[in-house]
């Protein structure tokens, strides 16, 4: 028996998953080289800004 899929919810879920996977391409974020939580979060911010700028320029 097949279960129906709400395509709108699935599209939003896919969008959220892709947003979380983008920063993982930055090796420093994935491996957590930073010693403090503050410096880690700052690098996550920098990576997020870099991703936004990239997508706005294309």
C-alpha atoms as a PDB file:
ATOM      1  CA  UNK A   1       0.000   0.000   0.000  1.00  0.00           C
ATOM      2  CA  UNK A   2       1.376   3.401  -0.973  1.00  0.00           C
ATOM      3  CA  UNK A   3       1.208   6.322   1.393  1.00  0.00           C
ATOM      4  CA  UNK A   4       0.499   9.760  -0.052  1.00  0.00           C
ATOM      5  CA  UNK A   5       3.222  12.385   0.133  1.00  0.00           C
ATOM      6  CA  UNK A   6       2.604  16.083   0.620  1.00  0.00           C
ATOM      7  CA  UNK A   7       4.941  17.540  -1.986  1.00  0.00           C
ATOM      8  CA  UNK A   8       4.919  21.044  -0.469  1.00  0.00           C
ATOM      9  CA  UNK A   9       6.113  19.754   2.923  1.00  0.00           C
ATOM     10  CA  UNK A  10       8.681  17.508   1.241  1.00  0.00           C
ATOM     11  CA  UNK A  11      10.033  20.479  -0.754  1.00  0.00           C
ATOM     12  CA  UNK A  12      10.410  22.532   2.435  1.00  0.00           C
ATOM     13  CA  UNK A  13      12.136  19.641   4.197  1.00  0.00           C
ATOM     14  CA  UNK A  14      14.535  19.289   1.293  1.00  0.00           C
ATOM     15  CA  UNK A  15      15.280  23.031   1.415  1.00  0.00           C
ATOM     16  CA  UNK A  16      16.063  22.910   5.140  1.00  0.00           C
ATOM     17  CA  UNK A  17      18.312  19.870   4.758  1.00  0.00           C
ATOM     18  CA  UNK A  18      20.223  21.528   1.947  1.00  0.00           C
ATOM     19  CA  UNK A  19      20.676  24.690   4.032  1.00  0.00           C
ATOM     20  CA  UNK A  20      22.227  22.664   6.849  1.00  0.00           C
ATOM     21  CA  UNK A  21      24.472  20.718   4.486  1.00  0.00           C
ATOM     22  CA  UNK A  22      25.954  23.805   2.776  1.00  0.00           C
ATOM     23  CA  UNK A  23      28.121  24.893   5.741  1.00  0.00           C
ATOM     24  CA  UNK A  24      29.412  21.333   6.086  1.00  0.00           C
ATOM     25  CA  UNK A  25      31.417  21.940   2.910  1.00  0.00           C
ATOM     26  CA  UNK A  26      33.595  24.254   4.979  1.00  0.00           C
ATOM     27  CA  UNK A  27      36.120  21.848   6.466  1.00  0.00           C
ATOM     28  CA  UNK A  28      36.700  23.980   9.554  1.00  0.00           C
ATOM     29  CA  UNK A  29      32.999  23.868  10.481  1.00  0.00           C
ATOM     30  CA  UNK A  30      32.773  20.112  10.013  1.00  0.00           C
ATOM     31  CA  UNK A  31      35.851  19.221  12.032  1.00  0.00           C
ATOM     32  CA  UNK A  32      35.374  21.923  14.713  1.00  0.00           C
ATOM     33  CA  UNK A  33      39.004  23.065  14.860  1.00  0.00           C
ATOM     34  CA  UNK A  34      38.008  26.038  17.031  1.00  0.00           C
ATOM     35  CA  UNK A  35      38.628  25.690  20.752  1.00  0.00           C
ATOM     36  CA  UNK A  36      35.778  27.832  22.042  1.00  0.00           C
ATOM     37  CA  UNK A  37      32.100  27.837  21.205  1.00  0.00           C
ATOM     38  CA  UNK A  38      32.284  31.560  20.500  1.00  0.00           C
ATOM     39  CA  UNK A  39      34.952  31.226  17.807  1.00  0.00           C
ATOM     40  CA  UNK A  40      33.102  28.255  16.284  1.00  0.00           C
ATOM     41  CA  UNK A  41      29.871  30.247  16.038  1.00  0.00           C
ATOM     42  CA  UNK A  42      31.741  33.187  14.530  1.00  0.00           C
ATOM     43  CA  UNK A  43      33.121  30.941  11.807  1.00  0.00           C
ATOM     44  CA  UNK A  44      29.649  29.496  11.191  1.00  0.00           C
ATOM     45  CA  UNK A  45      28.422  33.090  10.727  1.00  0.00           C
ATOM     46  CA  UNK A  46      31.249  33.844   8.300  1.00  0.00           C
ATOM     47  CA  UNK A  47      30.538  30.674   6.341  1.00  0.00           C
ATOM     48  CA  UNK A  48      26.816  31.490   6.191  1.00  0.00           C
ATOM     49  CA  UNK A  49      27.524  34.995   4.923  1.00  0.00           C
ATOM     50  CA  UNK A  50      29.886  33.596   2.292  1.00  0.00           C
ATOM     51  CA  UNK A  51      27.191  31.169   1.100  1.00  0.00           C
ATOM     52  CA  UNK A  52      24.576  33.952   0.930  1.00  0.00           C
ATOM     53  CA  UNK A  53      26.877  36.223  -1.048  1.00  0.00           C
ATOM     54  CA  UNK A  54      27.659  33.395  -3.445  1.00  0.00           C
ATOM     55  CA  UNK A  55      23.972  32.692  -4.070  1.00  0.00           C
ATOM     56  CA  UNK A  56      23.095  36.365  -4.451  1.00  0.00           C
ATOM     57  CA  UNK A  57      25.844  36.909  -7.017  1.00  0.00           C
ATOM     58  CA  UNK A  58      24.779  33.997  -9.253  1.00  0.00           C
END
